Every structure is written in C-alpha cells, then in structure tokens.
C-alpha cells in the first residue's frame, strides 16, 4: 500500500488513549488521514496532539448514545465527512467462575464491549449513509473464537461483536459500507503488562511465534481492512494472533 493510502480520509477511533487504539491513530495519521479520537480517558488528548496530521480528541463514553452521537457530530463539524470507524474501546473483566457471577460487573463489560460497539456503528453508519459510504472495523478478540477459564463476559461480548459485524456487513453491502472485525491475540499493551510475570511467561509458551504481538501490528491489519486494497472484504474477521488460534 502507498504510504499515504488514507490521505484526506476522516477516521474515528474509540479507545484511543493507549495500546492498539493509540497505535492505530498514529498509523492512520502517518498515512494521511485526519483522526478523531474518542475515549473516556483524557490521555487520548495527548495522543491527538502528537499525531502527524491535525487530530481531534472528544471525551466519549461509548455506553451513552448522546456521547457517541456527539463524537460523530464533532468529526462531521471539524472535517465535514466520516469515512472510517474503528470501534476499539473495550475493557477486560475480573475473572471468576460463572457460579460466582457478579451481574453488575458482567453488565459493565457487555455495555462497553458490545453495546458500545453497536452504538458507535449506529451513529457512524448514519453519517456514512448520508455521504458516499465508508468502512467500519470493529475490535473483537481471540477469545471470540476459543475458550478461556473464567472469561465469561469478555468472551461472550467479543464473540457477539464478530456476528454483529457480519450482520452489519450484510445489511449495508449494497449501500457502500463495508464492515469487518479484527481479533487480536496477546498484544504488548499497558493492560497486559499489569499481569503477573508468571502469567505472561505462560502466555508466551502458548504463542506459536514465541513472542507477544505489538500494537502497530494490529493497527496495520485495521489499516488494510479500511483501505481500498480490501474492497472485496466485508463481513470478515481477521485473527491477528501469531498463530494462537491455529493450534
């Protein structure tokens, strides 16, 4: 792909304060896009200020329709268009067996990881339908495809994102909107770095490539799916996991 493959395009990225979201924001900006960062974490403001192209930060709670609507409206007001949505905001869960289910904790994960993605898709699609179409890339996880002990809400939410994306892809296939998702594996992010050393060691032992992924490696997959080079791809989910789910 050309270095400026996304030149002039307007991209909204949620969960952009760090990790995959921040790496994706930087990559799109380096490729010529104008990036609007939505996050409840004010650290995303600093990310926006350091992009290669003028960036915009909008404090966003993806569980609140009004907040998501304001994010998309801000992108339209500043740049007069919305070409790409990267629905990346998500949280992990405090793991426990299902017989000890904390319903409040469960609902929070579902609200952010699934309902938040749906709301972002809703308000982005509204703008894309008013223009010339666009591309949606939703963030799933390898735990949408394989099980993990005591990961109930997170796994359920990410599996739902995969099929939500397929439904959206089919709904808008003839209206100029493509929708795909990416399922990252274990990526070296601030969230992962907080795990105990022995847990990270155990993860590495299961990695076919023998290392953790880097946020920019996932960002490159997102960029490809959002590009014209992927014009025939919609309703797909790409595993960016170093072979973890191939075992």
C-alpha atoms as a PDB file:
ATOM      1  CA  UNK A   1       0.000   0.000   0.000  1.00  0.00           C
ATOM      2  CA  UNK A   2       1.033   3.573  -0.621  1.00  0.00           C
ATOM      3  CA  UNK A   3       2.467   5.433   2.362  1.00  0.00           C
ATOM      4  CA  UNK A   4      -0.453   7.861   2.070  1.00  0.00           C
ATOM      5  CA  UNK A   5      -3.109   5.226   1.429  1.00  0.00           C
ATOM      6  CA  UNK A   6      -5.632   7.060   3.622  1.00  0.00           C
ATOM      7  CA  UNK A   7      -4.779  10.616   2.538  1.00  0.00           C
ATOM      8  CA  UNK A   8      -7.623  13.019   3.301  1.00  0.00           C
ATOM      9  CA  UNK A   9      -9.869  10.423   4.885  1.00  0.00           C
ATOM     10  CA  UNK A  10     -11.522  11.047   8.231  1.00  0.00           C
ATOM     11  CA  UNK A  11     -11.216   8.281  10.818  1.00  0.00           C
ATOM     12  CA  UNK A  12     -12.967   7.984  14.173  1.00  0.00           C
ATOM     13  CA  UNK A  13     -11.179   5.698  16.633  1.00  0.00           C
ATOM     14  CA  UNK A  14     -12.557   4.828  20.068  1.00  0.00           C
ATOM     15  CA  UNK A  15     -10.413   3.566  22.916  1.00  0.00           C
ATOM     16  CA  UNK A  16      -7.527   5.579  21.531  1.00  0.00           C
ATOM     17  CA  UNK A  17      -5.724   6.590  24.717  1.00  0.00           C
ATOM     18  CA  UNK A  18      -3.148   3.779  24.572  1.00  0.00           C
ATOM     19  CA  UNK A  19      -2.299   0.366  23.170  1.00  0.00           C
ATOM     20  CA  UNK A  20      -3.915  -0.703  19.898  1.00  0.00           C
ATOM     21  CA  UNK A  21      -6.111   2.384  19.680  1.00  0.00           C
ATOM     22  CA  UNK A  22      -3.231   4.833  20.009  1.00  0.00           C
ATOM     23  CA  UNK A  23      -1.064   2.841  17.579  1.00  0.00           C
ATOM     24  CA  UNK A  24      -3.917   2.812  15.063  1.00  0.00           C
ATOM     25  CA  UNK A  25      -4.394   6.555  15.411  1.00  0.00           C
ATOM     26  CA  UNK A  26      -0.712   7.200  14.745  1.00  0.00           C
ATOM     27  CA  UNK A  27      -0.613   4.840  11.761  1.00  0.00           C
ATOM     28  CA  UNK A  28      -3.666   6.358  10.086  1.00  0.00           C
ATOM     29  CA  UNK A  29      -2.256   9.856  10.616  1.00  0.00           C
ATOM     30  CA  UNK A  30       1.070   8.781   9.104  1.00  0.00           C
ATOM     31  CA  UNK A  31      -0.928   7.510   6.126  1.00  0.00           C
ATOM     32  CA  UNK A  32      -2.514  10.918   5.628  1.00  0.00           C
ATOM     33  CA  UNK A  33      -5.833  10.546   7.448  1.00  0.00           C
ATOM     34  CA  UNK A  34      -7.426  13.023   9.823  1.00  0.00           C
ATOM     35  CA  UNK A  35      -8.103  11.228  13.094  1.00  0.00           C
ATOM     36  CA  UNK A  36     -10.811  11.863  15.673  1.00  0.00           C
ATOM     37  CA  UNK A  37     -10.084  10.111  18.961  1.00  0.00           C
ATOM     38  CA  UNK A  38     -12.910   9.158  21.280  1.00  0.00           C
ATOM     39  CA  UNK A  39     -12.099   7.944  24.774  1.00  0.00           C
ATOM     40  CA  UNK A  40     -13.234   8.420  28.347  1.00  0.00           C
ATOM     41  CA  UNK A  41      -9.529   8.624  29.269  1.00  0.00           C
ATOM     42  CA  UNK A  42      -8.101  12.136  28.907  1.00  0.00           C
ATOM     43  CA  UNK A  43      -4.756  10.601  27.917  1.00  0.00           C
ATOM     44  CA  UNK A  44      -6.188  10.384  24.393  1.00  0.00           C
ATOM     45  CA  UNK A  45      -5.942  14.181  24.227  1.00  0.00           C
ATOM     46  CA  UNK A  46      -2.141  13.896  24.300  1.00  0.00           C
ATOM     47  CA  UNK A  47      -2.242  11.209  21.611  1.00  0.00           C
ATOM     48  CA  UNK A  48      -4.288  13.552  19.404  1.00  0.00           C
ATOM     49  CA  UNK A  49      -1.760  16.337  19.951  1.00  0.00           C
ATOM     50  CA  UNK A  50       1.149  14.198  18.756  1.00  0.00           C
ATOM     51  CA  UNK A  51      -0.335  12.848  15.505  1.00  0.00           C
ATOM     52  CA  UNK A  52       1.291  13.501  12.138  1.00  0.00           C
ATOM     53  CA  UNK A  53      -1.891  15.205  10.917  1.00  0.00           C
ATOM     54  CA  UNK A  54      -4.219  17.503  12.889  1.00  0.00           C
ATOM     55  CA  UNK A  55      -6.111  15.333  15.360  1.00  0.00           C
ATOM     56  CA  UNK A  56      -9.203  15.932  17.446  1.00  0.00           C
ATOM     57  CA  UNK A  57      -9.976  14.483  20.890  1.00  0.00           C
ATOM     58  CA  UNK A  58     -13.578  14.133  22.056  1.00  0.00           C
ATOM     59  CA  UNK A  59     -14.202  12.761  25.514  1.00  0.00           C
ATOM     60  CA  UNK A  60     -16.555   9.854  24.877  1.00  0.00           C
ATOM     61  CA  UNK A  61     -18.424   7.294  26.921  1.00  0.00           C
ATOM     62  CA  UNK A  62     -19.345   4.623  24.378  1.00  0.00           C
ATOM     63  CA  UNK A  63     -22.128   3.289  26.601  1.00  0.00           C
ATOM     64  CA  UNK A  64     -24.064   6.556  26.282  1.00  0.00           C
ATOM     65  CA  UNK A  65     -25.903   7.245  23.000  1.00  0.00           C
ATOM     66  CA  UNK A  66     -25.680  11.030  23.400  1.00  0.00           C
ATOM     67  CA  UNK A  67     -21.925  10.841  23.958  1.00  0.00           C
ATOM     68  CA  UNK A  68     -21.374   8.665  20.889  1.00  0.00           C
ATOM     69  CA  UNK A  69     -23.587  10.916  18.796  1.00  0.00           C
ATOM     70  CA  UNK A  70     -21.523  13.923  19.895  1.00  0.00           C
ATOM     71  CA  UNK A  71     -18.322  12.126  18.847  1.00  0.00           C
ATOM     72  CA  UNK A  72     -19.592  11.507  15.317  1.00  0.00           C
ATOM     73  CA  UNK A  73     -21.048  15.018  15.101  1.00  0.00           C
ATOM     74  CA  UNK A  74     -17.698  16.501  16.138  1.00  0.00           C
ATOM     75  CA  UNK A  75     -15.978  14.617  13.317  1.00  0.00           C
ATOM     76  CA  UNK A  76     -18.504  15.979  10.819  1.00  0.00           C
ATOM     77  CA  UNK A  77     -18.285  19.530  12.150  1.00  0.00           C
ATOM     78  CA  UNK A  78     -14.482  19.575  12.061  1.00  0.00           C
ATOM     79  CA  UNK A  79     -13.824  17.654   8.847  1.00  0.00           C
ATOM     80  CA  UNK A  80     -17.220  17.588   7.054  1.00  0.00           C
ATOM     81  CA  UNK A  81     -17.119  13.832   6.499  1.00  0.00           C
ATOM     82  CA  UNK A  82     -16.674  10.458   8.159  1.00  0.00           C
ATOM     83  CA  UNK A  83     -15.015   7.728   6.141  1.00  0.00           C
ATOM     84  CA  UNK A  84     -13.798   5.126   8.629  1.00  0.00           C
ATOM     85  CA  UNK A  85     -14.827   3.960  12.092  1.00  0.00           C
ATOM     86  CA  UNK A  86     -12.528   1.866  14.260  1.00  0.00           C
ATOM     87  CA  UNK A  87     -14.629   0.694  17.210  1.00  0.00           C
ATOM     88  CA  UNK A  88     -11.831  -0.296  19.550  1.00  0.00           C
ATOM     89  CA  UNK A  89     -12.993   0.717  23.044  1.00  0.00           C
ATOM     90  CA  UNK A  90     -13.227  -2.220  25.420  1.00  0.00           C
ATOM     91  CA  UNK A  91     -12.391  -3.488  28.881  1.00  0.00           C
ATOM     92  CA  UNK A  92     -11.342  -6.784  30.403  1.00  0.00           C
ATOM     93  CA  UNK A  93     -13.119  -8.403  33.327  1.00  0.00           C
ATOM     94  CA  UNK A  94     -12.358  -9.613  36.805  1.00  0.00           C
ATOM     95  CA  UNK A  95     -12.350 -13.340  36.194  1.00  0.00           C
ATOM     96  CA  UNK A  96     -14.446 -15.648  38.322  1.00  0.00           C
ATOM     97  CA  UNK A  97     -16.404 -18.870  37.780  1.00  0.00           C
ATOM     98  CA  UNK A  98     -19.931 -18.482  36.469  1.00  0.00           C
ATOM     99  CA  UNK A  99     -21.474 -19.669  39.752  1.00  0.00           C
ATOM    100  CA  UNK A 100     -19.943 -16.566  41.341  1.00  0.00           C
ATOM    101  CA  UNK A 101     -21.205 -14.231  38.624  1.00  0.00           C
ATOM    102  CA  UNK A 102     -21.245 -10.560  39.583  1.00  0.00           C
ATOM    103  CA  UNK A 103     -24.118  -9.220  37.493  1.00  0.00           C
ATOM    104  CA  UNK A 104     -23.000  -5.600  37.815  1.00  0.00           C
ATOM    105  CA  UNK A 105     -19.508  -6.440  36.576  1.00  0.00           C
ATOM    106  CA  UNK A 106     -20.953  -8.619  33.794  1.00  0.00           C
ATOM    107  CA  UNK A 107     -23.214  -5.806  32.607  1.00  0.00           C
ATOM    108  CA  UNK A 108     -20.389  -3.269  32.562  1.00  0.00           C
ATOM    109  CA  UNK A 109     -18.316  -5.470  30.241  1.00  0.00           C
ATOM    110  CA  UNK A 110     -21.296  -6.078  27.958  1.00  0.00           C
ATOM    111  CA  UNK A 111     -22.202  -2.376  27.967  1.00  0.00           C
ATOM    112  CA  UNK A 112     -18.740  -1.273  26.848  1.00  0.00           C
ATOM    113  CA  UNK A 113     -17.546  -4.165  24.684  1.00  0.00           C
ATOM    114  CA  UNK A 114     -20.785  -4.932  22.855  1.00  0.00           C
ATOM    115  CA  UNK A 115     -23.380  -2.193  23.269  1.00  0.00           C
ATOM    116  CA  UNK A 116     -20.643   0.432  22.909  1.00  0.00           C
ATOM    117  CA  UNK A 117     -19.565  -1.089  19.598  1.00  0.00           C
ATOM    118  CA  UNK A 118     -23.173  -1.227  18.405  1.00  0.00           C
ATOM    119  CA  UNK A 119     -23.758   2.434  19.295  1.00  0.00           C
ATOM    120  CA  UNK A 120     -20.591   3.528  17.515  1.00  0.00           C
ATOM    121  CA  UNK A 121     -21.618   1.522  14.447  1.00  0.00           C
ATOM    122  CA  UNK A 122     -25.100   3.035  14.571  1.00  0.00           C
ATOM    123  CA  UNK A 123     -24.053   6.673  14.653  1.00  0.00           C
ATOM    124  CA  UNK A 124     -21.173   6.201  12.208  1.00  0.00           C
ATOM    125  CA  UNK A 125     -23.400   4.365   9.722  1.00  0.00           C
ATOM    126  CA  UNK A 126     -25.917   7.223   9.863  1.00  0.00           C
ATOM    127  CA  UNK A 127     -23.205   9.622   8.668  1.00  0.00           C
ATOM    128  CA  UNK A 128     -21.811   7.202   6.101  1.00  0.00           C
ATOM    129  CA  UNK A 129     -25.255   6.690   4.567  1.00  0.00           C
ATOM    130  CA  UNK A 130     -25.556  10.457   4.161  1.00  0.00           C
ATOM    131  CA  UNK A 131     -22.236  10.511   2.298  1.00  0.00           C
ATOM    132  CA  UNK A 132     -20.624   8.100  -0.120  1.00  0.00           C
ATOM    133  CA  UNK A 133     -20.357   5.115   2.202  1.00  0.00           C
ATOM    134  CA  UNK A 134     -17.482   4.117   4.411  1.00  0.00           C
ATOM    135  CA  UNK A 135     -15.712   1.374   6.307  1.00  0.00           C
ATOM    136  CA  UNK A 136     -16.294   0.001   9.795  1.00  0.00           C
ATOM    137  CA  UNK A 137     -13.654  -2.041  11.617  1.00  0.00           C
ATOM    138  CA  UNK A 138     -14.710  -3.484  14.963  1.00  0.00           C
ATOM    139  CA  UNK A 139     -12.304  -4.897  17.525  1.00  0.00           C
ATOM    140  CA  UNK A 140     -13.005  -8.453  18.656  1.00  0.00           C
ATOM    141  CA  UNK A 141     -10.503 -10.851  20.285  1.00  0.00           C
ATOM    142  CA  UNK A 142      -9.137 -14.358  20.017  1.00  0.00           C
ATOM    143  CA  UNK A 143     -11.462 -15.106  22.937  1.00  0.00           C
ATOM    144  CA  UNK A 144     -14.316 -14.720  20.478  1.00  0.00           C
ATOM    145  CA  UNK A 145     -13.087 -17.962  18.930  1.00  0.00           C
ATOM    146  CA  UNK A 146     -11.507 -20.009  21.737  1.00  0.00           C
ATOM    147  CA  UNK A 147     -12.438 -20.517  25.355  1.00  0.00           C
ATOM    148  CA  UNK A 148     -10.576 -19.419  28.442  1.00  0.00           C
ATOM    149  CA  UNK A 149     -11.132 -20.375  32.056  1.00  0.00           C
ATOM    150  CA  UNK A 150     -13.353 -17.893  33.923  1.00  0.00           C
ATOM    151  CA  UNK A 151     -13.612 -15.482  30.983  1.00  0.00           C
ATOM    152  CA  UNK A 152     -17.373 -15.227  30.582  1.00  0.00           C
ATOM    153  CA  UNK A 153     -18.486 -11.662  29.974  1.00  0.00           C
ATOM    154  CA  UNK A 154     -15.428 -10.733  27.900  1.00  0.00           C
ATOM    155  CA  UNK A 155     -15.591 -13.834  25.708  1.00  0.00           C
ATOM    156  CA  UNK A 156     -19.338 -13.501  25.239  1.00  0.00           C
ATOM    157  CA  UNK A 157     -19.061  -9.826  24.320  1.00  0.00           C
ATOM    158  CA  UNK A 158     -16.292 -10.369  21.784  1.00  0.00           C
ATOM    159  CA  UNK A 159     -18.000 -13.356  20.172  1.00  0.00           C
ATOM    160  CA  UNK A 160     -21.101 -11.194  19.810  1.00  0.00           C
ATOM    161  CA  UNK A 161     -19.038  -8.447  18.145  1.00  0.00           C
ATOM    162  CA  UNK A 162     -17.986 -10.909  15.434  1.00  0.00           C
ATOM    163  CA  UNK A 163     -21.554 -11.805  14.498  1.00  0.00           C
ATOM    164  CA  UNK A 164     -22.758  -8.228  14.941  1.00  0.00           C
ATOM    165  CA  UNK A 165     -20.150  -7.244  12.355  1.00  0.00           C
ATOM    166  CA  UNK A 166     -21.351  -9.912   9.933  1.00  0.00           C
ATOM    167  CA  UNK A 167     -24.936  -8.677  10.252  1.00  0.00           C
ATOM    168  CA  UNK A 168     -23.888  -5.074   9.664  1.00  0.00           C
ATOM    169  CA  UNK A 169     -21.831  -6.101   6.642  1.00  0.00           C
ATOM    170  CA  UNK A 170     -24.825  -7.836   5.058  1.00  0.00           C
ATOM    171  CA  UNK A 171     -27.220  -5.028   5.942  1.00  0.00           C
ATOM    172  CA  UNK A 172     -25.179  -2.337   4.171  1.00  0.00           C
ATOM    173  CA  UNK A 173     -23.372  -4.358   1.488  1.00  0.00           C
ATOM    174  CA  UNK A 174     -25.230  -2.584  -1.324  1.00  0.00           C
ATOM    175  CA  UNK A 175     -25.109   0.825   0.302  1.00  0.00           C
ATOM    176  CA  UNK A 176     -21.378   1.392   0.137  1.00  0.00           C
ATOM    177  CA  UNK A 177     -20.479   0.436   3.687  1.00  0.00           C
ATOM    178  CA  UNK A 178     -18.054  -2.395   4.413  1.00  0.00           C
ATOM    179  CA  UNK A 179     -17.782  -3.872   7.918  1.00  0.00           C
ATOM    180  CA  UNK A 180     -15.106  -6.218   9.207  1.00  0.00           C
ATOM    181  CA  UNK A 181     -13.514  -7.044  12.533  1.00  0.00           C
ATOM    182  CA  UNK A 182     -10.082  -7.913  13.863  1.00  0.00           C
ATOM    183  CA  UNK A 183      -9.389 -10.447  16.609  1.00  0.00           C
ATOM    184  CA  UNK A 184      -6.059  -9.614  18.257  1.00  0.00           C
ATOM    185  CA  UNK A 185      -4.195 -12.192  20.269  1.00  0.00           C
ATOM    186  CA  UNK A 186      -1.949 -11.344  23.184  1.00  0.00           C
ATOM    187  CA  UNK A 187      -0.587  -7.893  22.443  1.00  0.00           C
ATOM    188  CA  UNK A 188       2.027  -5.992  24.452  1.00  0.00           C
ATOM    189  CA  UNK A 189      -0.196  -3.255  25.844  1.00  0.00           C
ATOM    190  CA  UNK A 190      -0.369  -1.484  29.230  1.00  0.00           C
ATOM    191  CA  UNK A 191      -3.249  -3.776  30.175  1.00  0.00           C
ATOM    192  CA  UNK A 192      -1.214  -6.912  29.541  1.00  0.00           C
ATOM    193  CA  UNK A 193       1.866  -5.531  31.257  1.00  0.00           C
ATOM    194  CA  UNK A 194      -0.037  -5.436  34.552  1.00  0.00           C
ATOM    195  CA  UNK A 195      -0.340  -9.219  34.589  1.00  0.00           C
ATOM    196  CA  UNK A 196       1.987 -11.203  36.895  1.00  0.00           C
ATOM    197  CA  UNK A 197       5.272 -12.269  35.297  1.00  0.00           C
ATOM    198  CA  UNK A 198       4.388 -15.953  35.574  1.00  0.00           C
ATOM    199  CA  UNK A 199       1.152 -15.369  33.665  1.00  0.00           C
ATOM    200  CA  UNK A 200       2.995 -13.626  30.834  1.00  0.00           C
ATOM    201  CA  UNK A 201       5.515 -16.478  30.765  1.00  0.00           C
ATOM    202  CA  UNK A 202       2.659 -18.972  30.434  1.00  0.00           C
ATOM    203  CA  UNK A 203       1.172 -16.939  27.585  1.00  0.00           C
ATOM    204  CA  UNK A 204       4.485 -16.871  25.730  1.00  0.00           C
ATOM    205  CA  UNK A 205       4.755 -20.634  25.986  1.00  0.00           C
ATOM    206  CA  UNK A 206       1.487 -20.924  24.065  1.00  0.00           C
ATOM    207  CA  UNK A 207       2.476 -18.470  21.355  1.00  0.00           C
ATOM    208  CA  UNK A 208       3.494 -20.238  18.120  1.00  0.00           C
ATOM    209  CA  UNK A 209       5.676 -17.294  17.116  1.00  0.00           C
ATOM    210  CA  UNK A 210       7.263 -17.170  20.575  1.00  0.00           C
ATOM    211  CA  UNK A 211       6.517 -13.540  21.358  1.00  0.00           C
ATOM    212  CA  UNK A 212       3.741 -11.090  22.122  1.00  0.00           C
ATOM    213  CA  UNK A 213       2.256  -9.029  19.333  1.00  0.00           C
ATOM    214  CA  UNK A 214       2.869  -5.299  19.062  1.00  0.00           C
ATOM    215  CA  UNK A 215       0.017  -2.774  18.863  1.00  0.00           C
ATOM    216  CA  UNK A 216       1.235  -1.491  15.496  1.00  0.00           C
ATOM    217  CA  UNK A 217       0.944  -4.993  14.040  1.00  0.00           C
ATOM    218  CA  UNK A 218      -2.779  -4.960  14.784  1.00  0.00           C
ATOM    219  CA  UNK A 219      -3.026  -1.377  13.525  1.00  0.00           C
ATOM    220  CA  UNK A 220      -1.634  -2.491  10.152  1.00  0.00           C
ATOM    221  CA  UNK A 221      -4.410  -5.074   9.814  1.00  0.00           C
ATOM    222  CA  UNK A 222      -7.011  -2.417  10.649  1.00  0.00           C
ATOM    223  CA  UNK A 223      -5.481  -0.036   8.103  1.00  0.00           C
ATOM    224  CA  UNK A 224      -5.553  -2.702   5.389  1.00  0.00           C
ATOM    225  CA  UNK A 225      -9.205  -3.579   6.044  1.00  0.00           C
ATOM    226  CA  UNK A 226     -10.098   0.110   5.876  1.00  0.00           C
ATOM    227  CA  UNK A 227      -8.216   0.635   2.615  1.00  0.00           C
ATOM    228  CA  UNK A 228      -9.313   0.299  -0.998  1.00  0.00           C
ATOM    229  CA  UNK A 229      -6.995  -2.713  -1.247  1.00  0.00           C
ATOM    230  CA  UNK A 230      -9.607  -4.600   0.813  1.00  0.00           C
ATOM    231  CA  UNK A 231     -12.554  -3.503  -1.331  1.00  0.00           C
ATOM    232  CA  UNK A 232     -13.863  -7.081  -1.715  1.00  0.00           C
ATOM    233  CA  UNK A 233     -13.661  -7.860   2.004  1.00  0.00           C
ATOM    234  CA  UNK A 234     -16.754  -7.376   4.121  1.00  0.00           C
ATOM    235  CA  UNK A 235     -18.233  -9.496   6.894  1.00  0.00           C
ATOM    236  CA  UNK A 236     -14.827 -10.984   7.680  1.00  0.00           C
ATOM    237  CA  UNK A 237     -12.930 -11.389  10.931  1.00  0.00           C
ATOM    238  CA  UNK A 238      -9.139 -11.438  10.733  1.00  0.00           C
ATOM    239  CA  UNK A 239      -7.182 -13.106  13.532  1.00  0.00           C
ATOM    240  CA  UNK A 240      -4.012 -11.159  14.340  1.00  0.00           C
ATOM    241  CA  UNK A 241      -2.687 -13.569  16.938  1.00  0.00           C
ATOM    242  CA  UNK A 242       0.646 -15.013  15.864  1.00  0.00           C
ATOM    243  CA  UNK A 243      -0.989 -18.363  15.172  1.00  0.00           C
ATOM    244  CA  UNK A 244      -2.591 -18.782  18.610  1.00  0.00           C
ATOM    245  CA  UNK A 245      -5.968 -19.906  17.264  1.00  0.00           C
ATOM    246  CA  UNK A 246      -4.374 -22.174  14.645  1.00  0.00           C
ATOM    247  CA  UNK A 247      -3.178 -24.644  17.267  1.00  0.00           C
END
